Amino acid sequence: MPVPFESLIPFAIISGMFLVTGTGIRYAQTKRNEGKVARYSLDDWDRKMLQRDKQLTGTERGQIDEPVAPAEFKVNSAWKVYDSLRNDFA
Protein backbone atom coordinates (compact mmCIF):
# COMPACT_ATOMS: atom_id res chain seq x y z
CA MET A 1 0.00 0.00 0.00
CA PRO A 2 1.57 3.31 -1.07
CA VAL A 3 2.26 6.01 1.46
CA PRO A 4 0.77 9.40 0.48
CA PHE A 5 3.95 11.32 1.22
CA GLU A 6 6.41 8.94 -0.48
CA SER A 7 6.72 11.28 -3.49
CA LEU A 8 7.94 14.09 -1.25
CA ILE A 9 11.45 12.61 -0.90
CA PRO A 10 12.30 12.71 -4.64
CA PHE A 11 10.60 16.10 -4.90
CA ALA A 12 12.80 17.41 -2.08
CA ILE A 13 15.94 15.99 -3.72
CA ILE A 14 15.12 17.56 -7.09
CA SER A 15 14.21 20.90 -5.49
CA GLY A 16 17.42 20.81 -3.46
CA MET A 17 19.50 20.23 -6.59
CA PHE A 18 17.83 23.19 -8.33
CA LEU A 19 18.59 25.30 -5.27
CA VAL A 20 22.23 24.18 -5.14
CA THR A 21 22.88 24.80 -8.85
CA GLY A 22 21.10 28.16 -8.83
CA THR A 23 23.05 29.31 -5.80
CA GLY A 24 26.31 28.09 -7.35
CA ILE A 25 25.69 29.96 -10.60
CA ARG A 26 24.75 33.13 -8.71
CA TYR A 27 27.91 32.85 -6.59
CA ALA A 28 30.10 32.39 -9.67
CA GLN A 29 28.56 35.40 -11.43
CA THR A 30 28.92 37.57 -8.36
CA LYS A 31 32.53 36.48 -7.86
CA ARG A 32 33.32 37.17 -11.53
CA ASN A 33 31.80 40.67 -11.32
CA GLU A 34 33.55 41.57 -8.05
CA GLY A 35 30.31 41.49 -6.04
CA LYS A 36 28.40 43.73 -8.43
CA VAL A 37 25.31 42.96 -10.51
CA ALA A 38 26.04 41.47 -13.94
CA ARG A 39 25.84 43.86 -16.90
CA TYR A 40 23.54 43.09 -19.83
CA SER A 41 23.04 44.66 -23.27
CA LEU A 42 26.48 46.25 -23.48
CA ASP A 43 26.95 48.63 -26.36
CA ASP A 44 30.22 49.86 -27.84
CA TRP A 45 30.53 52.70 -25.30
CA ASP A 46 30.15 50.31 -22.36
CA ARG A 47 32.77 47.94 -23.78
CA LYS A 48 35.21 50.80 -24.25
CA MET A 49 34.61 51.95 -20.68
CA LEU A 50 35.22 48.39 -19.42
CA GLN A 51 38.49 48.33 -21.37
CA ARG A 52 39.47 51.73 -19.96
CA ASP A 53 38.65 50.62 -16.41
CA LYS A 54 40.72 47.48 -16.92
CA GLN A 55 43.67 49.56 -18.06
CA LEU A 56 43.34 52.00 -15.18
CA THR A 57 42.67 49.58 -12.33
CA GLY A 58 43.57 46.10 -13.56
CA THR A 59 40.00 44.78 -13.29
CA GLU A 60 37.03 45.29 -15.59
CA ARG A 61 34.65 46.35 -12.83
CA GLY A 62 37.08 48.46 -10.82
CA GLN A 63 36.81 52.22 -10.99
CA ILE A 64 38.92 55.05 -9.62
CA ASP A 65 38.13 58.71 -9.06
CA GLU A 66 41.59 60.12 -9.68
CA PRO A 67 41.56 63.05 -12.16
CA VAL A 68 44.94 62.01 -13.60
CA ALA A 69 45.64 58.55 -14.99
CA PRO A 70 48.52 56.58 -13.49
CA ALA A 71 51.84 56.50 -15.37
CA GLU A 72 51.29 52.85 -16.36
CA PHE A 73 48.26 53.90 -18.41
CA LYS A 74 50.58 55.24 -21.15
CA VAL A 75 52.20 51.88 -21.87
CA ASN A 76 49.56 49.22 -21.19
CA SER A 77 47.67 49.50 -24.46
CA ALA A 78 46.90 46.28 -26.34
CA TRP A 79 47.55 48.09 -29.62
CA LYS A 80 51.24 48.49 -28.80
CA VAL A 81 51.50 44.73 -28.24
CA TYR A 82 49.56 44.08 -31.46
CA ASP A 83 51.84 46.40 -33.48
CA SER A 84 54.97 44.76 -32.12
CA LEU A 85 53.64 41.27 -32.90
CA ARG A 86 52.54 42.32 -36.36
CA ASN A 87 55.98 43.74 -37.11
CA ASP A 88 57.70 40.59 -35.84
CA PHE A 89 55.73 38.26 -38.12
CA ALA A 90 55.55 40.48 -41.19
PDB file of N, CA and C in Angstrom:
ATOM      1  N   MET A   1       0.845  -1.165   0.000  1.00  0.00           N
ATOM      2  CA  MET A   1       0.000   0.000   0.000  1.00  0.00           C
ATOM      3  C   MET A   1       0.905   1.247   0.000  1.00  0.00           C
ATOM      4  N   PRO A   2       0.692   2.132  -0.971  1.00  0.00           N
ATOM      5  CA  PRO A   2       1.565   3.307  -1.068  1.00  0.00           C
ATOM      6  C   PRO A   2       1.295   4.321   0.052  1.00  0.00           C
ATOM      7  N   VAL A   3       2.356   4.970   0.440  1.00  0.00           N
ATOM      8  CA  VAL A   3       2.256   6.012   1.461  1.00  0.00           C
ATOM      9  C   VAL A   3       2.015   7.342   0.739  1.00  0.00           C
ATOM     10  N   PRO A   4       1.097   8.168   1.215  1.00  0.00           N
ATOM     11  CA  PRO A   4       0.766   9.399   0.485  1.00  0.00           C
ATOM     12  C   PRO A   4       1.941  10.369   0.348  1.00  0.00           C
ATOM     13  N   PHE A   5       2.861  10.350   1.262  1.00  0.00           N
ATOM     14  CA  PHE A   5       3.950  11.315   1.216  1.00  0.00           C
ATOM     15  C   PHE A   5       5.236  10.725   0.645  1.00  0.00           C
ATOM     16  N   GLU A   6       5.179   9.563   0.009  1.00  0.00           N
ATOM     17  CA  GLU A   6       6.409   8.942  -0.485  1.00  0.00           C
ATOM     18  C   GLU A   6       6.979   9.695  -1.683  1.00  0.00           C
ATOM     19  N   SER A   7       6.193  10.492  -2.367  1.00  0.00           N
ATOM     20  CA  SER A   7       6.716  11.276  -3.491  1.00  0.00           C
ATOM     21  C   SER A   7       7.411  12.553  -3.021  1.00  0.00           C
ATOM     22  N   LEU A   8       7.306  12.871  -1.750  1.00  0.00           N
ATOM     23  CA  LEU A   8       7.941  14.094  -1.254  1.00  0.00           C
ATOM     24  C   LEU A   8       9.468  13.967  -1.188  1.00  0.00           C
ATOM     25  N   ILE A   9       9.993  12.779  -0.986  1.00  0.00           N
ATOM     26  CA  ILE A   9      11.447  12.610  -0.899  1.00  0.00           C
ATOM     27  C   ILE A   9      12.119  12.918  -2.239  1.00  0.00           C
ATOM     28  N   PRO A  10      11.684  12.326  -3.365  1.00  0.00           N
ATOM     29  CA  PRO A  10      12.301  12.709  -4.642  1.00  0.00           C
ATOM     30  C   PRO A  10      12.064  14.184  -4.988  1.00  0.00           C
ATOM     31  N   PHE A  11      10.879  14.683  -4.646  1.00  0.00           N
ATOM     32  CA  PHE A  11      10.603  16.099  -4.904  1.00  0.00           C
ATOM     33  C   PHE A  11      11.568  16.984  -4.120  1.00  0.00           C
ATOM     34  N   ALA A  12      11.857  16.639  -2.887  1.00  0.00           N
ATOM     35  CA  ALA A  12      12.799  17.414  -2.079  1.00  0.00           C
ATOM     36  C   ALA A  12      14.217  17.327  -2.642  1.00  0.00           C
ATOM     37  N   ILE A  13      14.607  16.151  -3.135  1.00  0.00           N
ATOM     38  CA  ILE A  13      15.943  15.987  -3.716  1.00  0.00           C
ATOM     39  C   ILE A  13      16.070  16.839  -4.980  1.00  0.00           C
ATOM     40  N   ILE A  14      15.075  16.778  -5.850  1.00  0.00           N
ATOM     41  CA  ILE A  14      15.115  17.560  -7.086  1.00  0.00           C
ATOM     42  C   ILE A  14      15.107  19.058  -6.783  1.00  0.00           C
ATOM     43  N   SER A  15      14.255  19.479  -5.864  1.00  0.00           N
ATOM     44  CA  SER A  15      14.210  20.896  -5.492  1.00  0.00           C
ATOM     45  C   SER A  15      15.532  21.341  -4.876  1.00  0.00           C
ATOM     46  N   GLY A  16      16.130  20.490  -4.064  1.00  0.00           N
ATOM     47  CA  GLY A  16      17.421  20.810  -3.460  1.00  0.00           C
ATOM     48  C   GLY A  16      18.513  20.965  -4.495  1.00  0.00           C
ATOM     49  N   MET A  17      18.490  20.128  -5.536  1.00  0.00           N
ATOM     50  CA  MET A  17      19.496  20.231  -6.586  1.00  0.00           C
ATOM     51  C   MET A  17      19.326  21.515  -7.403  1.00  0.00           C
ATOM     52  N   PHE A  18      18.062  21.907  -7.660  1.00  0.00           N
ATOM     53  CA  PHE A  18      17.828  23.186  -8.326  1.00  0.00           C
ATOM     54  C   PHE A  18      18.346  24.339  -7.467  1.00  0.00           C
ATOM     55  N   LEU A  19      18.123  24.258  -6.177  1.00  0.00           N
ATOM     56  CA  LEU A  19      18.589  25.297  -5.267  1.00  0.00           C
ATOM     57  C   LEU A  19      20.115  25.364  -5.247  1.00  0.00           C
ATOM     58  N   VAL A  20      20.766  24.218  -5.182  1.00  0.00           N
ATOM     59  CA  VAL A  20      22.231  24.185  -5.137  1.00  0.00           C
ATOM     60  C   VAL A  20      22.830  24.745  -6.422  1.00  0.00           C
ATOM     61  N   THR A  21      22.311  24.313  -7.585  1.00  0.00           N
ATOM     62  CA  THR A  21      22.876  24.795  -8.848  1.00  0.00           C
ATOM     63  C   THR A  21      22.595  26.283  -9.051  1.00  0.00           C
ATOM     64  N   GLY A  22      21.410  26.738  -8.700  1.00  0.00           N
ATOM     65  CA  GLY A  22      21.101  28.163  -8.833  1.00  0.00           C
ATOM     66  C   GLY A  22      21.982  29.018  -7.945  1.00  0.00           C
ATOM     67  N   THR A  23      22.186  28.568  -6.719  1.00  0.00           N
ATOM     68  CA  THR A  23      23.052  29.306  -5.800  1.00  0.00           C
ATOM     69  C   THR A  23      24.496  29.294  -6.289  1.00  0.00           C
ATOM     70  N   GLY A  24      24.938  28.174  -6.828  1.00  0.00           N
ATOM     71  CA  GLY A  24      26.306  28.093  -7.353  1.00  0.00           C
ATOM     72  C   GLY A  24      26.533  29.016  -8.539  1.00  0.00           C
ATOM     73  N   ILE A  25      25.558  29.075  -9.445  1.00  0.00           N
ATOM     74  CA  ILE A  25      25.686  29.963 -10.598  1.00  0.00           C
ATOM     75  C   ILE A  25      25.681  31.419 -10.143  1.00  0.00           C
ATOM     76  N   ARG A  26      24.813  31.750  -9.220  1.00  0.00           N
ATOM     77  CA  ARG A  26      24.747  33.128  -8.714  1.00  0.00           C
ATOM     78  C   ARG A  26      26.054  33.514  -8.019  1.00  0.00           C
ATOM     79  N   TYR A  27      26.627  32.591  -7.263  1.00  0.00           N
ATOM     80  CA  TYR A  27      27.905  32.854  -6.589  1.00  0.00           C
ATOM     81  C   TYR A  27      29.016  33.081  -7.608  1.00  0.00           C
ATOM     82  N   ALA A  28      29.054  32.250  -8.651  1.00  0.00           N
ATOM     83  CA  ALA A  28      30.098  32.387  -9.671  1.00  0.00           C
ATOM     84  C   ALA A  28      29.971  33.711 -10.410  1.00  0.00           C
ATOM     85  N   GLN A  29      28.751  34.123 -10.740  1.00  0.00           N
ATOM     86  CA  GLN A  29      28.564  35.397 -11.427  1.00  0.00           C
ATOM     87  C   GLN A  29      28.941  36.572 -10.540  1.00  0.00           C
ATOM     88  N   THR A  30      28.577  36.499  -9.280  1.00  0.00           N
ATOM     89  CA  THR A  30      28.924  37.573  -8.356  1.00  0.00           C
ATOM     90  C   THR A  30      30.426  37.647  -8.149  1.00  0.00           C
ATOM     91  N   LYS A  31      31.073  36.506  -8.043  1.00  0.00           N
ATOM     92  CA  LYS A  31      32.525  36.481  -7.864  1.00  0.00           C
ATOM     93  C   LYS A  31      33.230  37.043  -9.102  1.00  0.00           C
ATOM     94  N   ARG A  32      32.713  36.695 -10.285  1.00  0.00           N
ATOM     95  CA  ARG A  32      33.321  37.167 -11.527  1.00  0.00           C
ATOM     96  C   ARG A  32      33.167  38.680 -11.674  1.00  0.00           C
ATOM     97  N   ASN A  33      32.069  39.235 -11.184  1.00  0.00           N
ATOM     98  CA  ASN A  33      31.801  40.667 -11.319  1.00  0.00           C
ATOM     99  C   ASN A  33      32.192  41.458 -10.084  1.00  0.00           C
ATOM    100  N   GLU A  34      33.028  40.899  -9.246  1.00  0.00           N
ATOM    101  CA  GLU A  34      33.545  41.572  -8.050  1.00  0.00           C
ATOM    102  C   GLU A  34      32.429  42.032  -7.118  1.00  0.00           C
ATOM    103  N   GLY A  35      31.394  41.206  -6.963  1.00  0.00           N
ATOM    104  CA  GLY A  35      30.314  41.495  -6.044  1.00  0.00           C
ATOM    105  C   GLY A  35      29.251  42.430  -6.585  1.00  0.00           C
ATOM    106  N   LYS A  36      29.375  42.819  -7.839  1.00  0.00           N
ATOM    107  CA  LYS A  36      28.398  43.733  -8.432  1.00  0.00           C
ATOM    108  C   LYS A  36      27.439  42.960  -9.327  1.00  0.00           C
ATOM    109  N   VAL A  37      26.323  43.587  -9.654  1.00  0.00           N
ATOM    110  CA  VAL A  37      25.314  42.961 -10.505  1.00  0.00           C
ATOM    111  C   VAL A  37      25.866  42.822 -11.921  1.00  0.00           C
ATOM    112  N   ALA A  38      25.552  41.710 -12.585  1.00  0.00           N
ATOM    113  CA  ALA A  38      26.040  41.471 -13.938  1.00  0.00           C
ATOM    114  C   ALA A  38      25.481  42.513 -14.900  1.00  0.00           C
ATOM    115  N   ARG A  39      26.273  42.877 -15.906  1.00  0.00           N
ATOM    116  CA  ARG A  39      25.841  43.858 -16.902  1.00  0.00           C
ATOM    117  C   ARG A  39      25.280  43.131 -18.113  1.00  0.00           C
ATOM    118  N   TYR A  40      24.182  43.652 -18.647  1.00  0.00           N
ATOM    119  CA  TYR A  40      23.542  43.094 -19.831  1.00  0.00           C
ATOM    120  C   TYR A  40      23.414  44.169 -20.891  1.00  0.00           C
ATOM    121  N   SER A  41      23.262  43.757 -22.130  1.00  0.00           N
ATOM    122  CA  SER A  41      23.043  44.657 -23.271  1.00  0.00           C
ATOM    123  C   SER A  41      24.129  45.728 -23.348  1.00  0.00           C
ATOM    124  N   LEU A  42      25.370  45.306 -23.379  1.00  0.00           N
ATOM    125  CA  LEU A  42      26.475  46.254 -23.480  1.00  0.00           C
ATOM    126  C   LEU A  42      26.596  46.768 -24.909  1.00  0.00           C
ATOM    127  N   ASP A  43      26.704  48.069 -25.052  1.00  0.00           N
ATOM    128  CA  ASP A  43      26.948  48.628 -26.364  1.00  0.00           C
ATOM    129  C   ASP A  43      28.437  48.956 -26.488  1.00  0.00           C
ATOM    130  N   ASP A  44      28.805  49.589 -27.577  1.00  0.00           N
ATOM    131  CA  ASP A  44      30.223  49.862 -27.840  1.00  0.00           C
ATOM    132  C   ASP A  44      30.822  50.785 -26.774  1.00  0.00           C
ATOM    133  N   TRP A  45      30.050  51.776 -26.337  1.00  0.00           N
ATOM    134  CA  TRP A  45      30.529  52.703 -25.301  1.00  0.00           C
ATOM    135  C   TRP A  45      30.835  51.950 -24.001  1.00  0.00           C
ATOM    136  N   ASP A  46      29.933  51.073 -23.596  1.00  0.00           N
ATOM    137  CA  ASP A  46      30.147  50.313 -22.361  1.00  0.00           C
ATOM    138  C   ASP A  46      31.380  49.428 -22.462  1.00  0.00           C
ATOM    139  N   ARG A  47      31.585  48.789 -23.611  1.00  0.00           N
ATOM    140  CA  ARG A  47      32.769  47.939 -23.784  1.00  0.00           C
ATOM    141  C   ARG A  47      34.051  48.755 -23.718  1.00  0.00           C
ATOM    142  N   LYS A  48      34.029  49.940 -24.309  1.00  0.00           N
ATOM    143  CA  LYS A  48      35.212  50.804 -24.250  1.00  0.00           C
ATOM    144  C   LYS A  48      35.477  51.279 -22.822  1.00  0.00           C
ATOM    145  N   MET A  49      34.427  51.547 -22.071  1.00  0.00           N
ATOM    146  CA  MET A  49      34.612  51.951 -20.678  1.00  0.00           C
ATOM    147  C   MET A  49      35.135  50.783 -19.828  1.00  0.00           C
ATOM    148  N   LEU A  50      34.677  49.558 -20.114  1.00  0.00           N
ATOM    149  CA  LEU A  50      35.217  48.387 -19.417  1.00  0.00           C
ATOM    150  C   LEU A  50      36.701  48.218 -19.722  1.00  0.00           C
ATOM    151  N   GLN A  51      37.082  48.438 -20.998  1.00  0.00           N
ATOM    152  CA  GLN A  51      38.487  48.329 -21.370  1.00  0.00           C
ATOM    153  C   GLN A  51      39.316  49.424 -20.687  1.00  0.00           C
ATOM    154  N   ARG A  52      38.771  50.635 -20.627  1.00  0.00           N
ATOM    155  CA  ARG A  52      39.473  51.733 -19.958  1.00  0.00           C
ATOM    156  C   ARG A  52      39.636  51.447 -18.465  1.00  0.00           C
ATOM    157  N   ASP A  53      38.561  50.950 -17.833  1.00  0.00           N
ATOM    158  CA  ASP A  53      38.649  50.622 -16.413  1.00  0.00           C
ATOM    159  C   ASP A  53      39.670  49.522 -16.164  1.00  0.00           C
ATOM    160  N   LYS A  54      39.736  48.554 -17.080  1.00  0.00           N
ATOM    161  CA  LYS A  54      40.717  47.477 -16.920  1.00  0.00           C
ATOM    162  C   LYS A  54      42.134  48.021 -17.030  1.00  0.00           C
ATOM    163  N   GLN A  55      42.345  48.961 -17.930  1.00  0.00           N
ATOM    164  CA  GLN A  55      43.673  49.556 -18.062  1.00  0.00           C
ATOM    165  C   GLN A  55      44.031  50.404 -16.848  1.00  0.00           C
ATOM    166  N   LEU A  56      43.053  51.117 -16.312  1.00  0.00           N
ATOM    167  CA  LEU A  56      43.338  51.996 -15.180  1.00  0.00           C
ATOM    168  C   LEU A  56      43.522  51.232 -13.870  1.00  0.00           C
ATOM    169  N   THR A  57      42.679  50.225 -13.634  1.00  0.00           N
ATOM    170  CA  THR A  57      42.674  49.584 -12.326  1.00  0.00           C
ATOM    171  C   THR A  57      43.148  48.139 -12.331  1.00  0.00           C
ATOM    172  N   GLY A  58      43.177  47.492 -13.500  1.00  0.00           N
ATOM    173  CA  GLY A  58      43.570  46.095 -13.559  1.00  0.00           C
ATOM    174  C   GLY A  58      42.396  45.139 -13.532  1.00  0.00           C
ATOM    175  N   THR A  59      41.192  45.622 -13.264  1.00  0.00           N
ATOM    176  CA  THR A  59      40.000  44.785 -13.291  1.00  0.00           C
ATOM    177  C   THR A  59      38.937  45.485 -14.127  1.00  0.00           C
ATOM    178  N   GLU A  60      38.043  44.690 -14.733  1.00  0.00           N
ATOM    179  CA  GLU A  60      37.026  45.290 -15.591  1.00  0.00           C
ATOM    180  C   GLU A  60      35.991  46.082 -14.809  1.00  0.00           C
ATOM    181  N   ARG A  61      35.702  45.681 -13.593  1.00  0.00           N
ATOM    182  CA  ARG A  61      34.650  46.349 -12.829  1.00  0.00           C
ATOM    183  C   ARG A  61      35.200  47.384 -11.852  1.00  0.00           C
ATOM    184  N   GLY A  62      36.508  47.492 -11.737  1.00  0.00           N
ATOM    185  CA  GLY A  62      37.084  48.462 -10.817  1.00  0.00           C
ATOM    186  C   GLY A  62      37.048  49.862 -11.395  1.00  0.00           C
ATOM    187  N   GLN A  63      36.825  50.836 -10.553  1.00  0.00           N
ATOM    188  CA  GLN A  63      36.809  52.221 -10.989  1.00  0.00           C
ATOM    189  C   GLN A  63      37.588  53.057  -9.996  1.00  0.00           C
ATOM    190  N   ILE A  64      38.190  54.129 -10.496  1.00  0.00           N
ATOM    191  CA  ILE A  64      38.917  55.052  -9.622  1.00  0.00           C
ATOM    192  C   ILE A  64      38.388  56.457  -9.871  1.00  0.00           C
ATOM    193  N   ASP A  65      38.604  57.339  -8.919  1.00  0.00           N
ATOM    194  CA  ASP A  65      38.128  58.707  -9.062  1.00  0.00           C
ATOM    195  C   ASP A  65      39.274  59.706  -9.150  1.00  0.00           C
ATOM    196  N   GLU A  66      40.449  59.230  -9.527  1.00  0.00           N
ATOM    197  CA  GLU A  66      41.592  60.120  -9.681  1.00  0.00           C
ATOM    198  C   GLU A  66      41.430  60.939 -10.963  1.00  0.00           C
ATOM    199  N   PRO A  67      41.705  62.248 -10.933  1.00  0.00           N
ATOM    200  CA  PRO A  67      41.563  63.047 -12.157  1.00  0.00           C
ATOM    201  C   PRO A  67      42.670  62.795 -13.172  1.00  0.00           C
ATOM    202  N   VAL A  68      43.808  62.265 -12.712  1.00  0.00           N
ATOM    203  CA  VAL A  68      44.941  62.010 -13.603  1.00  0.00           C
ATOM    204  C   VAL A  68      45.193  60.504 -13.641  1.00  0.00           C
ATOM    205  N   ALA A  69      45.381  59.982 -14.841  1.00  0.00           N
ATOM    206  CA  ALA A  69      45.638  58.552 -14.993  1.00  0.00           C
ATOM    207  C   ALA A  69      47.020  58.203 -14.464  1.00  0.00           C
ATOM    208  N   PRO A  70      47.202  56.982 -13.951  1.00  0.00           N
ATOM    209  CA  PRO A  70      48.524  56.580 -13.492  1.00  0.00           C
ATOM    210  C   PRO A  70      49.516  56.514 -14.650  1.00  0.00           C
ATOM    211  N   ALA A  71      50.802  56.515 -14.328  1.00  0.00           N
ATOM    212  CA  ALA A  71      51.839  56.504 -15.370  1.00  0.00           C
ATOM    213  C   ALA A  71      51.788  55.226 -16.203  1.00  0.00           C
ATOM    214  N   GLU A  72      51.356  54.112 -15.623  1.00  0.00           N
ATOM    215  CA  GLU A  72      51.290  52.849 -16.365  1.00  0.00           C
ATOM    216  C   GLU A  72      50.254  52.892 -17.479  1.00  0.00           C
ATOM    217  N   PHE A  73      49.326  53.815 -17.408  1.00  0.00           N
ATOM    218  CA  PHE A  73      48.262  53.904 -18.415  1.00  0.00           C
ATOM    219  C   PHE A  73      48.826  54.213 -19.799  1.00  0.00           C
ATOM    220  N   LYS A  74      49.980  54.871 -19.873  1.00  0.00           N
ATOM    221  CA  LYS A  74      50.575  55.238 -21.154  1.00  0.00           C
ATOM    222  C   LYS A  74      51.111  54.033 -21.920  1.00  0.00           C
ATOM    223  N   VAL A  75      51.518  52.995 -21.206  1.00  0.00           N
ATOM    224  CA  VAL A  75      52.202  51.880 -21.872  1.00  0.00           C
ATOM    225  C   VAL A  75      51.452  50.558 -21.816  1.00  0.00           C
ATOM    226  N   ASN A  76      50.249  50.512 -21.300  1.00  0.00           N
ATOM    227  CA  ASN A  76      49.560  49.224 -21.192  1.00  0.00           C
ATOM    228  C   ASN A  76      48.456  49.054 -22.225  1.00  0.00           C
ATOM    229  N   SER A  77      48.656  49.615 -23.398  1.00  0.00           N
ATOM    230  CA  SER A  77      47.670  49.495 -24.465  1.00  0.00           C
ATOM    231  C   SER A  77      47.889  48.191 -25.226  1.00  0.00           C
ATOM    232  N   ALA A  78      46.800  47.522 -25.561  1.00  0.00           N
ATOM    233  CA  ALA A  78      46.897  46.285 -26.337  1.00  0.00           C
ATOM    234  C   ALA A  78      47.364  46.566 -27.757  1.00  0.00           C
ATOM    235  N   TRP A  79      47.138  47.777 -28.249  1.00  0.00           N
ATOM    236  CA  TRP A  79      47.549  48.088 -29.618  1.00  0.00           C
ATOM    237  C   TRP A  79      49.056  48.097 -29.753  1.00  0.00           C
ATOM    238  N   LYS A  80      49.780  48.507 -28.727  1.00  0.00           N
ATOM    239  CA  LYS A  80      51.243  48.486 -28.799  1.00  0.00           C
ATOM    240  C   LYS A  80      51.750  47.049 -28.893  1.00  0.00           C
ATOM    241  N   VAL A  81      51.120  46.139 -28.172  1.00  0.00           N
ATOM    242  CA  VAL A  81      51.500  44.729 -28.245  1.00  0.00           C
ATOM    243  C   VAL A  81      51.157  44.187 -29.631  1.00  0.00           C
ATOM    244  N   TYR A  82      49.991  44.548 -30.147  1.00  0.00           N
ATOM    245  CA  TYR A  82      49.564  44.085 -31.462  1.00  0.00           C
ATOM    246  C   TYR A  82      50.526  44.578 -32.539  1.00  0.00           C
ATOM    247  N   ASP A  83      50.917  45.862 -32.483  1.00  0.00           N
ATOM    248  CA  ASP A  83      51.837  46.402 -33.478  1.00  0.00           C
ATOM    249  C   ASP A  83      53.189  45.698 -33.427  1.00  0.00           C
ATOM    250  N   SER A  84      53.676  45.421 -32.215  1.00  0.00           N
ATOM    251  CA  SER A  84      54.970  44.756 -32.123  1.00  0.00           C
ATOM    252  C   SER A  84      54.887  43.323 -32.639  1.00  0.00           C
ATOM    253  N   LEU A  85      53.785  42.625 -32.367  1.00  0.00           N
ATOM    254  CA  LEU A  85      53.641  41.268 -32.898  1.00  0.00           C
ATOM    255  C   LEU A  85      53.479  41.283 -34.416  1.00  0.00           C
ATOM    256  N   ARG A  86      52.750  42.243 -34.921  1.00  0.00           N
ATOM    257  CA  ARG A  86      52.541  42.318 -36.360  1.00  0.00           C
ATOM    258  C   ARG A  86      53.853  42.596 -37.074  1.00  0.00           C
ATOM    259  N   ASN A  87      54.697  43.437 -36.500  1.00  0.00           N
ATOM    260  CA  ASN A  87      55.985  43.739 -37.107  1.00  0.00           C
ATOM    261  C   ASN A  87      56.934  42.561 -37.034  1.00  0.00           C
ATOM    262  N   ASP A  88      56.822  41.742 -35.992  1.00  0.00           N
ATOM    263  CA  ASP A  88      57.700  40.586 -35.841  1.00  0.00           C
ATOM    264  C   ASP A  88      57.401  39.524 -36.885  1.00  0.00           C
ATOM    265  N   PHE A  89      56.124  39.332 -37.204  1.00  0.00           N
ATOM    266  CA  PHE A  89      55.734  38.257 -38.116  1.00  0.00           C
ATOM    267  C   PHE A  89      55.589  38.716 -39.569  1.00  0.00           C
ATOM    268  N   ALA A  90      55.727  39.983 -39.825  1.00  0.00           N
ATOM    269  CA  ALA A  90      55.552  40.484 -41.195  1.00  0.00           C
ATOM    270  C   ALA A  90      56.806  40.325 -42.027  1.00  0.00           C
TER     271      ALA A  90
END
